[in-house]
C-alpha cells in the first residue's frame, strides 16, 4: 500500500503523520507524492507506525511506476 493510500484510508493528514514519525512536513509531502524516496531509517519508522502496511517495497514500486 502506498503511503498516500494509507493516509487517505485512515484519514490522516500528511503533516500530522510527519510529526508522528518525526520528519518534516515537506519531506512527507515529497514521499507521499513520489517525488523523493525516503532514507532507510525513515522507511523503517513509517513501517513501524503503519503496522507494516507501508514498507520499502511500496516505495520502490511507486518509484518504478513513475
C-alpha atoms as a PDB file:
ATOM      1  CA  UNK A   1       0.000   0.000   0.000  1.00  0.00           C
ATOM      2  CA  UNK A   2       1.392   3.419  -0.840  1.00  0.00           C
ATOM      3  CA  UNK A   3       1.853   5.952   1.904  1.00  0.00           C
ATOM      4  CA  UNK A   4      -0.625   8.222   0.154  1.00  0.00           C
ATOM      5  CA  UNK A   5      -3.257   5.463   0.127  1.00  0.00           C
ATOM      6  CA  UNK A   6      -2.581   4.592   3.757  1.00  0.00           C
ATOM      7  CA  UNK A   7      -3.005   8.185   4.908  1.00  0.00           C
ATOM      8  CA  UNK A   8      -6.171   8.637   2.868  1.00  0.00           C
ATOM      9  CA  UNK A   9      -7.693   5.354   4.087  1.00  0.00           C
ATOM     10  CA  UNK A  10      -7.058   6.276   7.720  1.00  0.00           C
ATOM     11  CA  UNK A  11      -7.978   9.958   7.392  1.00  0.00           C
ATOM     12  CA  UNK A  12      -4.527  11.144   8.444  1.00  0.00           C
ATOM     13  CA  UNK A  13      -3.137  14.415   7.140  1.00  0.00           C
ATOM     14  CA  UNK A  14       0.452  14.184   5.832  1.00  0.00           C
ATOM     15  CA  UNK A  15       1.597  16.907   8.214  1.00  0.00           C
ATOM     16  CA  UNK A  16       0.150  15.033  11.194  1.00  0.00           C
ATOM     17  CA  UNK A  17       1.828  11.792  10.143  1.00  0.00           C
ATOM     18  CA  UNK A  18       5.093  13.685   9.594  1.00  0.00           C
ATOM     19  CA  UNK A  19       5.006  14.857  13.195  1.00  0.00           C
ATOM     20  CA  UNK A  20       4.109  11.354  14.367  1.00  0.00           C
ATOM     21  CA  UNK A  21       7.165   9.792  12.702  1.00  0.00           C
ATOM     22  CA  UNK A  22       9.489  12.721  13.437  1.00  0.00           C
ATOM     23  CA  UNK A  23      10.081  14.152   9.958  1.00  0.00           C
ATOM     24  CA  UNK A  24       9.259  17.457   8.320  1.00  0.00           C
ATOM     25  CA  UNK A  25       6.029  18.208   6.532  1.00  0.00           C
ATOM     26  CA  UNK A  26       7.994  18.988   3.364  1.00  0.00           C
ATOM     27  CA  UNK A  27       9.771  15.641   3.386  1.00  0.00           C
ATOM     28  CA  UNK A  28       6.495  13.834   3.999  1.00  0.00           C
ATOM     29  CA  UNK A  29       4.769  15.586   1.106  1.00  0.00           C
ATOM     30  CA  UNK A  30       7.615  14.591  -1.232  1.00  0.00           C
ATOM     31  CA  UNK A  31       7.377  10.973  -0.091  1.00  0.00           C
ATOM     32  CA  UNK A  32       3.601  10.929  -0.461  1.00  0.00           C
ATOM     33  CA  UNK A  33       3.787  12.362  -3.980  1.00  0.00           C
ATOM     34  CA  UNK A  34       6.593  10.013  -5.007  1.00  0.00           C
ATOM     35  CA  UNK A  35       8.920  12.923  -5.714  1.00  0.00           C
ATOM     36  CA  UNK A  36      11.513  11.573  -3.266  1.00  0.00           C
ATOM     37  CA  UNK A  37      12.445   8.204  -1.813  1.00  0.00           C
ATOM     38  CA  UNK A  38      12.825   8.184   1.998  1.00  0.00           C
ATOM     39  CA  UNK A  39      16.039   7.052   3.641  1.00  0.00           C
ATOM     40  CA  UNK A  40      16.089   3.577   5.203  1.00  0.00           C
ATOM     41  CA  UNK A  41      15.626   4.884   8.739  1.00  0.00           C
ATOM     42  CA  UNK A  42      12.552   6.864   7.650  1.00  0.00           C
ATOM     43  CA  UNK A  43      11.095   3.844   5.856  1.00  0.00           C
ATOM     44  CA  UNK A  44      11.642   1.775   8.983  1.00  0.00           C
ATOM     45  CA  UNK A  45       9.816   4.358  11.105  1.00  0.00           C
ATOM     46  CA  UNK A  46       6.948   4.579   8.609  1.00  0.00           C
ATOM     47  CA  UNK A  47       6.609   0.793   8.502  1.00  0.00           C
ATOM     48  CA  UNK A  48       6.556   0.718  12.288  1.00  0.00           C
ATOM     49  CA  UNK A  49       3.902   3.449  12.571  1.00  0.00           C
ATOM     50  CA  UNK A  50       1.710   1.843   9.894  1.00  0.00           C
ATOM     51  CA  UNK A  51       1.996  -1.612  11.479  1.00  0.00           C
ATOM     52  CA  UNK A  52       3.760  -2.893   8.376  1.00  0.00           C
ATOM     53  CA  UNK A  53       1.123  -1.666   5.944  1.00  0.00           C
ATOM     54  CA  UNK A  54       3.639   0.624   4.160  1.00  0.00           C
ATOM     55  CA  UNK A  55       7.063  -0.881   3.517  1.00  0.00           C
ATOM     56  CA  UNK A  56      10.209  -0.236   1.482  1.00  0.00           C
ATOM     57  CA  UNK A  57       8.730  -2.350  -1.311  1.00  0.00           C
ATOM     58  CA  UNK A  58       5.776   0.014  -1.535  1.00  0.00           C
ATOM     59  CA  UNK A  59       8.083   2.981  -2.025  1.00  0.00           C
ATOM     60  CA  UNK A  60      10.145   1.070  -4.581  1.00  0.00           C
ATOM     61  CA  UNK A  61       7.100   0.092  -6.631  1.00  0.00           C
ATOM     62  CA  UNK A  62       5.916   3.705  -6.542  1.00  0.00           C
ATOM     63  CA  UNK A  63       9.283   4.786  -7.998  1.00  0.00           C
ATOM     64  CA  UNK A  64       9.095   2.169 -10.758  1.00  0.00           C
ATOM     65  CA  UNK A  65       5.633   3.355 -11.800  1.00  0.00           C
ATOM     66  CA  UNK A  66       6.827   6.937 -12.261  1.00  0.00           C
END
